[in-house]
Amino acid sequence: MSQKDREVSAASILEPGGSAGLRAALEALELGCAMLLEQLRREHPEATEEELQALYLKHLAERPLDAPAERHPFPDAEAHA
């Protein structure tokens, strides 16, 4: 990929209303999940795939918040509940 292609690609992520930003976010999420599974494999080489999946789900359920704060519902969340 040329420098110009990378610049065009990066610019399209920032376009308002474009789907490129969402696509990039979802790809980053997928990559992060894969990286976590690889980390768990390195930390627990004896674990089976089922055990690794359980560790993965436990980590997602119990991990600390990235930015601890009080949680507030969206203003219109109650209207749609």
N, C-alpha and C. Protein backbone atom coordinates (compact mmCIF):
# COMPACT_ATOMS: atom_id res chain seq x y z
N MET A 1 0.85 -1.17 0.00
CA MET A 1 0.00 0.00 0.00
C MET A 1 0.90 1.23 0.00
N SER A 2 0.63 2.15 -0.88
CA SER A 2 1.45 3.34 -0.98
C SER A 2 1.09 4.34 0.11
N GLN A 3 1.95 5.32 0.31
CA GLN A 3 1.70 6.37 1.31
C GLN A 3 0.40 7.10 0.99
N LYS A 4 0.16 7.38 -0.29
CA LYS A 4 -1.07 8.08 -0.69
C LYS A 4 -2.30 7.24 -0.34
N ASP A 5 -2.24 5.93 -0.58
CA ASP A 5 -3.36 5.05 -0.24
C ASP A 5 -3.62 5.06 1.27
N ARG A 6 -2.53 5.05 2.06
CA ARG A 6 -2.70 5.09 3.52
C ARG A 6 -3.32 6.41 3.95
N GLU A 7 -2.91 7.51 3.33
CA GLU A 7 -3.48 8.81 3.67
C GLU A 7 -4.95 8.87 3.31
N VAL A 8 -5.31 8.36 2.15
CA VAL A 8 -6.71 8.33 1.75
C VAL A 8 -7.49 7.45 2.71
N SER A 9 -6.93 6.31 3.06
CA SER A 9 -7.58 5.39 3.99
C SER A 9 -7.79 6.05 5.34
N ALA A 10 -6.76 6.70 5.86
CA ALA A 10 -6.87 7.36 7.16
C ALA A 10 -7.88 8.50 7.09
N ALA A 11 -7.91 9.24 6.01
CA ALA A 11 -8.86 10.34 5.88
C ALA A 11 -10.30 9.84 5.84
N SER A 12 -10.53 8.70 5.19
CA SER A 12 -11.89 8.19 5.08
C SER A 12 -12.44 7.74 6.44
N ILE A 13 -11.57 7.37 7.36
CA ILE A 13 -12.02 6.97 8.70
C ILE A 13 -12.65 8.15 9.41
N LEU A 14 -12.14 9.34 9.14
CA LEU A 14 -12.59 10.53 9.84
C LEU A 14 -13.78 11.23 9.19
N GLU A 15 -14.22 10.76 8.05
CA GLU A 15 -15.34 11.40 7.36
C GLU A 15 -16.62 11.25 8.17
N PRO A 16 -17.33 12.35 8.40
CA PRO A 16 -18.60 12.25 9.11
C PRO A 16 -19.59 11.40 8.32
N GLY A 17 -20.28 10.55 9.01
CA GLY A 17 -21.30 9.72 8.37
C GLY A 17 -20.76 8.56 7.57
N GLY A 18 -19.46 8.42 7.49
CA GLY A 18 -18.88 7.32 6.73
C GLY A 18 -18.86 6.05 7.56
N SER A 19 -18.82 4.93 6.88
CA SER A 19 -18.80 3.66 7.61
C SER A 19 -17.37 3.21 7.90
N ALA A 20 -16.40 3.89 7.36
CA ALA A 20 -15.01 3.47 7.54
C ALA A 20 -14.60 3.53 9.01
N GLY A 21 -15.06 4.54 9.73
CA GLY A 21 -14.71 4.65 11.15
C GLY A 21 -15.26 3.49 11.96
N LEU A 22 -16.51 3.15 11.69
CA LEU A 22 -17.12 2.01 12.39
C LEU A 22 -16.39 0.73 12.03
N ARG A 23 -16.08 0.56 10.76
CA ARG A 23 -15.36 -0.64 10.32
C ARG A 23 -14.01 -0.72 11.02
N ALA A 24 -13.31 0.40 11.12
CA ALA A 24 -12.00 0.41 11.78
C ALA A 24 -12.14 0.07 13.26
N ALA A 25 -13.18 0.60 13.91
CA ALA A 25 -13.39 0.31 15.32
C ALA A 25 -13.68 -1.17 15.54
N LEU A 26 -14.50 -1.75 14.69
CA LEU A 26 -14.83 -3.17 14.82
C LEU A 26 -13.61 -4.04 14.54
N GLU A 27 -12.79 -3.65 13.58
CA GLU A 27 -11.56 -4.39 13.31
C GLU A 27 -10.60 -4.30 14.49
N ALA A 28 -10.53 -3.12 15.14
CA ALA A 28 -9.67 -2.96 16.31
C ALA A 28 -10.18 -3.83 17.46
N LEU A 29 -11.49 -3.89 17.63
CA LEU A 29 -12.07 -4.75 18.67
C LEU A 29 -11.73 -6.21 18.41
N GLU A 30 -11.89 -6.64 17.17
CA GLU A 30 -11.57 -8.02 16.81
C GLU A 30 -10.10 -8.33 17.07
N LEU A 31 -9.23 -7.41 16.70
CA LEU A 31 -7.80 -7.60 16.93
C LEU A 31 -7.50 -7.66 18.43
N GLY A 32 -8.12 -6.80 19.21
CA GLY A 32 -7.91 -6.82 20.66
C GLY A 32 -8.34 -8.13 21.29
N CYS A 33 -9.47 -8.66 20.83
CA CYS A 33 -9.95 -9.95 21.35
C CYS A 33 -8.97 -11.07 20.99
N ALA A 34 -8.46 -11.06 19.77
CA ALA A 34 -7.49 -12.07 19.35
C ALA A 34 -6.21 -11.96 20.17
N MET A 35 -5.78 -10.73 20.45
CA MET A 35 -4.58 -10.52 21.24
C MET A 35 -4.77 -11.03 22.67
N LEU A 36 -5.95 -10.81 23.24
CA LEU A 36 -6.23 -11.31 24.60
C LEU A 36 -6.18 -12.83 24.62
N LEU A 37 -6.76 -13.48 23.63
CA LEU A 37 -6.71 -14.95 23.59
C LEU A 37 -5.28 -15.44 23.48
N GLU A 38 -4.45 -14.79 22.68
CA GLU A 38 -3.05 -15.19 22.56
C GLU A 38 -2.31 -14.99 23.88
N GLN A 39 -2.60 -13.90 24.57
CA GLN A 39 -1.99 -13.66 25.88
C GLN A 39 -2.37 -14.76 26.85
N LEU A 40 -3.65 -15.14 26.86
CA LEU A 40 -4.10 -16.21 27.75
C LEU A 40 -3.44 -17.53 27.39
N ARG A 41 -3.24 -17.79 26.10
CA ARG A 41 -2.54 -19.03 25.68
C ARG A 41 -1.11 -19.05 26.20
N ARG A 42 -0.43 -17.90 26.16
CA ARG A 42 0.95 -17.84 26.67
C ARG A 42 0.99 -18.00 28.18
N GLU A 43 0.02 -17.39 28.88
CA GLU A 43 0.00 -17.46 30.34
C GLU A 43 -0.44 -18.82 30.86
N HIS A 44 -1.22 -19.55 30.05
CA HIS A 44 -1.76 -20.85 30.47
C HIS A 44 -1.53 -21.88 29.36
N PRO A 45 -0.27 -22.26 29.11
CA PRO A 45 0.02 -23.17 27.99
C PRO A 45 -0.63 -24.55 28.14
N GLU A 46 -0.96 -24.92 29.36
CA GLU A 46 -1.55 -26.24 29.59
C GLU A 46 -3.07 -26.25 29.41
N ALA A 47 -3.68 -25.08 29.26
CA ALA A 47 -5.14 -24.98 29.21
C ALA A 47 -5.69 -25.48 27.88
N THR A 48 -6.86 -26.09 27.97
CA THR A 48 -7.57 -26.53 26.76
C THR A 48 -8.27 -25.32 26.15
N GLU A 49 -8.77 -25.46 24.94
CA GLU A 49 -9.50 -24.36 24.29
C GLU A 49 -10.74 -23.98 25.10
N GLU A 50 -11.40 -24.95 25.70
CA GLU A 50 -12.58 -24.67 26.52
C GLU A 50 -12.18 -23.86 27.76
N GLU A 51 -11.07 -24.22 28.38
CA GLU A 51 -10.59 -23.49 29.55
C GLU A 51 -10.16 -22.07 29.16
N LEU A 52 -9.51 -21.94 28.01
CA LEU A 52 -9.12 -20.61 27.54
C LEU A 52 -10.35 -19.74 27.27
N GLN A 53 -11.37 -20.34 26.69
CA GLN A 53 -12.61 -19.59 26.43
C GLN A 53 -13.24 -19.12 27.74
N ALA A 54 -13.22 -19.97 28.75
CA ALA A 54 -13.76 -19.60 30.06
C ALA A 54 -12.94 -18.47 30.68
N LEU A 55 -11.62 -18.53 30.57
CA LEU A 55 -10.76 -17.46 31.08
C LEU A 55 -11.01 -16.16 30.33
N TYR A 56 -11.19 -16.26 29.04
CA TYR A 56 -11.47 -15.10 28.19
C TYR A 56 -12.77 -14.42 28.62
N LEU A 57 -13.83 -15.20 28.77
CA LEU A 57 -15.12 -14.65 29.19
C LEU A 57 -15.05 -14.07 30.60
N LYS A 58 -14.31 -14.73 31.48
CA LYS A 58 -14.14 -14.23 32.84
C LYS A 58 -13.43 -12.88 32.82
N HIS A 59 -12.40 -12.76 32.00
CA HIS A 59 -11.68 -11.49 31.89
C HIS A 59 -12.61 -10.38 31.40
N LEU A 60 -13.41 -10.66 30.38
CA LEU A 60 -14.32 -9.65 29.85
C LEU A 60 -15.36 -9.24 30.88
N ALA A 61 -15.83 -10.19 31.68
CA ALA A 61 -16.87 -9.90 32.66
C ALA A 61 -16.33 -9.16 33.88
N GLU A 62 -15.07 -9.41 34.23
CA GLU A 62 -14.55 -8.89 35.49
C GLU A 62 -13.49 -7.81 35.33
N ARG A 63 -13.11 -7.47 34.10
CA ARG A 63 -12.02 -6.52 33.93
C ARG A 63 -12.42 -5.15 34.48
N PRO A 64 -11.45 -4.41 34.98
CA PRO A 64 -11.77 -3.08 35.50
C PRO A 64 -12.14 -2.14 34.35
N LEU A 65 -12.90 -1.13 34.67
CA LEU A 65 -13.26 -0.14 33.67
C LEU A 65 -12.01 0.61 33.22
N ASP A 66 -11.97 1.01 31.98
CA ASP A 66 -10.84 1.79 31.48
C ASP A 66 -10.79 3.16 32.15
N ALA A 67 -11.94 3.72 32.39
CA ALA A 67 -12.02 5.03 33.03
C ALA A 67 -13.15 4.97 34.05
N PRO A 68 -12.84 4.54 35.27
CA PRO A 68 -13.90 4.39 36.28
C PRO A 68 -14.66 5.70 36.50
N ALA A 69 -15.96 5.58 36.53
CA ALA A 69 -16.82 6.74 36.76
C ALA A 69 -18.22 6.22 37.05
N GLU A 70 -19.07 7.12 37.49
CA GLU A 70 -20.46 6.73 37.68
C GLU A 70 -21.08 6.46 36.33
N ARG A 71 -21.90 5.43 36.26
CA ARG A 71 -22.57 5.12 35.01
C ARG A 71 -23.92 5.81 34.99
N HIS A 72 -24.23 6.40 33.86
CA HIS A 72 -25.51 7.09 33.67
C HIS A 72 -26.17 6.55 32.41
N PRO A 73 -27.47 6.28 32.45
CA PRO A 73 -28.14 5.81 31.24
C PRO A 73 -28.24 6.95 30.23
N PHE A 74 -28.39 6.58 28.98
CA PHE A 74 -28.65 7.59 27.97
C PHE A 74 -29.94 8.30 28.33
N PRO A 75 -30.06 9.58 28.04
CA PRO A 75 -31.26 10.32 28.44
C PRO A 75 -32.55 9.70 27.94
N ASP A 76 -32.56 9.12 26.75
CA ASP A 76 -33.81 8.55 26.22
C ASP A 76 -33.92 7.05 26.47
N ALA A 77 -33.02 6.46 27.24
CA ALA A 77 -33.03 5.01 27.46
C ALA A 77 -34.31 4.58 28.18
N GLU A 78 -34.76 5.38 29.14
CA GLU A 78 -35.95 5.00 29.89
C GLU A 78 -37.20 5.05 29.01
N ALA A 79 -37.23 5.95 28.05
CA ALA A 79 -38.39 6.05 27.16
C ALA A 79 -38.53 4.84 26.25
N HIS A 80 -37.41 4.16 25.97
CA HIS A 80 -37.43 3.01 25.08
C HIS A 80 -37.49 1.69 25.85
N ALA A 81 -37.42 1.73 27.14
CA ALA A 81 -37.39 0.49 27.94
C ALA A 81 -38.76 -0.11 28.09
